[in-house]
Amino acid sequence: MESVEEPSKPDISLDQCLDMFLAHSKARAENEDEKYGWASYSNDANHVVQIKKVVVDNLALKTIPLSQLTKARLEATWAELRRGVGFRTCDDRYQRLKGALKLAVKRGYLKSNPSELAEIARPDLTEERILKTIAKVAKVSWDTLDLI
């Protein structure tokens, strides 16, 4: 009898896991009964391309076996994904990575999802910062906005 604690399948690389995730995503897009379309698949594919470019601990992330994905490596992955992009874009990419690892758990390649352990820093969304951001985007002052 197989143990619930141990993965039931051999170790695979993150690259193989992400490919499995994209194949699953494509099958969902092809299924007319799914609330998931080709635009969602395209987003998944674009984010996966960026995930596959990440280098952590001087290793291409995609080459790392799933069994060697640790909390620290996934936190470093977040930091690398965050370089040069906004929080939302980074979060979208990280959510795809989490989804791929969740699928690996469901398919027996992992016993648990290591991305669930990673402590990810969320941006400071205090009211003052939100107001400053809105003012910058609007390119007008709050005084002008109050007049409108």
Protein backbone atom coordinates (compact mmCIF):
# COMPACT_ATOMS: atom_id res chain seq x y z
CA MET A 1 0.00 0.00 0.00
CA GLU A 2 1.35 3.46 -0.93
CA SER A 3 1.99 5.95 1.83
CA VAL A 4 0.01 9.18 1.74
CA GLU A 5 3.10 11.05 2.90
CA GLU A 6 5.45 10.14 0.06
CA PRO A 7 5.09 11.14 -3.61
CA SER A 8 3.90 8.21 -5.68
CA LYS A 9 5.80 9.17 -8.82
CA PRO A 10 9.47 9.81 -9.59
CA ASP A 11 11.00 13.25 -9.10
CA ILE A 12 10.65 15.61 -12.07
CA SER A 13 12.17 19.01 -12.79
CA LEU A 14 10.25 22.23 -12.40
CA ASP A 15 10.49 22.57 -16.19
CA GLN A 16 8.58 19.30 -16.62
CA CYS A 17 6.10 20.40 -13.95
CA LEU A 18 5.46 23.72 -15.73
CA ASP A 19 5.00 21.88 -19.05
CA MET A 20 2.48 19.59 -17.36
CA PHE A 21 0.71 22.68 -16.00
CA LEU A 22 0.54 24.24 -19.49
CA ALA A 23 -0.80 20.99 -20.99
CA HIS A 24 -3.48 20.97 -18.29
CA SER A 25 -4.20 24.64 -18.98
CA LYS A 26 -4.52 23.96 -22.71
CA ALA A 27 -6.91 21.05 -22.08
CA ARG A 28 -9.04 23.37 -19.95
CA ALA A 29 -9.09 25.98 -22.75
CA GLU A 30 -10.19 23.32 -25.25
CA ASN A 31 -13.01 22.12 -22.99
CA GLU A 32 -16.17 24.07 -23.80
CA ASP A 33 -17.63 23.23 -20.38
CA GLU A 34 -14.80 24.97 -18.51
CA LYS A 35 -15.01 28.63 -17.58
CA TYR A 36 -11.52 29.06 -18.94
CA GLY A 37 -10.61 30.31 -22.37
CA TRP A 38 -7.73 30.76 -24.75
CA ALA A 39 -6.91 34.18 -23.32
CA SER A 40 -6.36 32.55 -19.92
CA TYR A 41 -4.19 29.89 -21.51
CA SER A 42 -2.18 32.59 -23.29
CA ASN A 43 -1.66 34.41 -19.97
CA ASP A 44 -0.53 31.15 -18.35
CA ALA A 45 1.91 30.47 -21.19
CA ASN A 46 3.38 33.99 -21.04
CA HIS A 47 3.86 33.82 -17.28
CA VAL A 48 5.43 30.35 -17.49
CA VAL A 49 7.98 31.66 -20.02
CA GLN A 50 9.06 34.25 -17.44
CA ILE A 51 9.17 31.71 -14.59
CA LYS A 52 11.43 29.49 -16.68
CA LYS A 53 13.95 32.34 -17.00
CA VAL A 54 14.46 32.65 -13.24
CA VAL A 55 17.86 31.81 -11.76
CA VAL A 56 18.11 31.05 -8.02
CA ASP A 57 21.20 29.93 -6.11
CA ASN A 58 23.12 30.14 -9.42
CA LEU A 59 20.81 27.48 -10.87
CA ALA A 60 18.17 27.84 -13.55
CA LEU A 61 14.98 27.34 -11.54
CA LYS A 62 13.48 25.19 -14.27
CA THR A 63 16.25 22.59 -13.88
CA ILE A 64 15.70 22.08 -10.15
CA PRO A 65 13.95 18.82 -9.20
CA LEU A 66 10.65 19.36 -7.40
CA SER A 67 12.02 17.57 -4.33
CA GLN A 68 14.65 20.32 -4.00
CA LEU A 69 12.23 23.25 -4.05
CA THR A 70 12.48 24.68 -0.55
CA LYS A 71 10.81 27.54 1.24
CA ALA A 72 14.02 29.58 0.86
CA ARG A 73 14.30 28.84 -2.87
CA LEU A 74 10.68 29.84 -3.45
CA GLU A 75 11.14 33.05 -1.49
CA ALA A 76 14.22 33.78 -3.63
CA THR A 77 12.10 32.98 -6.69
CA TRP A 78 9.57 35.59 -5.60
CA ALA A 79 12.38 38.16 -5.26
CA GLU A 80 13.67 37.32 -8.76
CA LEU A 81 10.17 37.43 -10.28
CA ARG A 82 9.64 40.82 -8.60
CA ARG A 83 12.66 42.45 -10.31
CA GLY A 84 11.55 45.10 -12.76
CA VAL A 85 7.82 44.36 -12.63
CA GLY A 86 4.93 45.52 -10.52
CA PHE A 87 3.51 43.55 -7.64
CA ARG A 88 0.46 42.39 -9.61
CA THR A 89 2.52 40.98 -12.49
CA CYS A 90 4.85 39.23 -10.07
CA ASP A 91 1.91 37.84 -8.11
CA ASP A 92 0.29 36.57 -11.32
CA ARG A 93 3.50 34.71 -12.16
CA TYR A 94 3.86 33.31 -8.67
CA GLN A 95 0.24 32.14 -8.73
CA ARG A 96 1.02 30.16 -11.91
CA LEU A 97 4.01 28.60 -10.15
CA LYS A 98 1.82 27.72 -7.16
CA GLY A 99 -0.78 26.26 -9.51
CA ALA A 100 1.83 24.10 -11.24
CA LEU A 101 3.06 22.78 -7.89
CA LYS A 102 -0.52 22.16 -6.75
CA LEU A 103 -1.08 20.09 -9.89
CA ALA A 104 2.13 18.17 -9.12
CA VAL A 105 0.69 17.32 -5.69
CA LYS A 106 -2.59 16.16 -7.25
CA ARG A 107 -0.73 14.00 -9.76
CA GLY A 108 1.52 12.42 -7.14
CA TYR A 109 4.85 14.12 -7.90
CA LEU A 110 4.95 15.98 -4.57
CA LYS A 111 3.57 15.15 -1.14
CA SER A 112 2.85 18.81 -0.37
CA ASN A 113 3.11 22.17 -2.08
CA PRO A 114 6.31 23.95 -0.97
CA SER A 115 5.04 27.29 -2.28
CA GLU A 116 2.47 27.32 0.53
CA LEU A 117 5.32 27.68 3.05
CA ALA A 118 7.00 30.66 1.37
CA GLU A 119 6.59 33.96 3.16
CA ILE A 120 5.91 36.55 0.49
CA ALA A 121 6.17 40.25 1.29
CA ARG A 122 3.03 42.09 0.26
CA PRO A 123 3.28 45.75 -0.76
CA ASP A 124 2.38 48.51 1.69
CA LEU A 125 -1.09 49.54 0.62
CA THR A 126 -1.74 52.15 3.28
CA GLU A 127 -4.28 54.79 2.42
CA GLU A 128 -1.58 57.47 2.07
CA ARG A 129 0.37 55.40 -0.45
CA ILE A 130 -2.78 54.59 -2.42
CA LEU A 131 -3.70 58.27 -2.60
CA LYS A 132 -0.17 59.18 -3.77
CA THR A 133 -0.34 56.52 -6.47
CA ILE A 134 -3.72 57.75 -7.68
CA ALA A 135 -2.43 61.33 -7.78
CA LYS A 136 0.63 60.28 -9.80
CA VAL A 137 -1.45 58.29 -12.26
CA ALA A 138 -4.05 61.01 -12.58
CA LYS A 139 -1.28 63.61 -13.03
CA VAL A 140 -3.36 66.15 -11.12
CA SER A 141 -3.35 67.28 -7.50
CA TRP A 142 -5.99 66.34 -4.96
CA ASP A 143 -7.02 70.00 -4.82
CA THR A 144 -7.82 69.88 -8.53
CA LEU A 145 -9.68 66.61 -8.10
CA ASP A 146 -11.72 68.13 -5.27
CA LEU A 147 -12.78 70.97 -7.61
CA ILE A 148 -13.99 68.49 -10.21
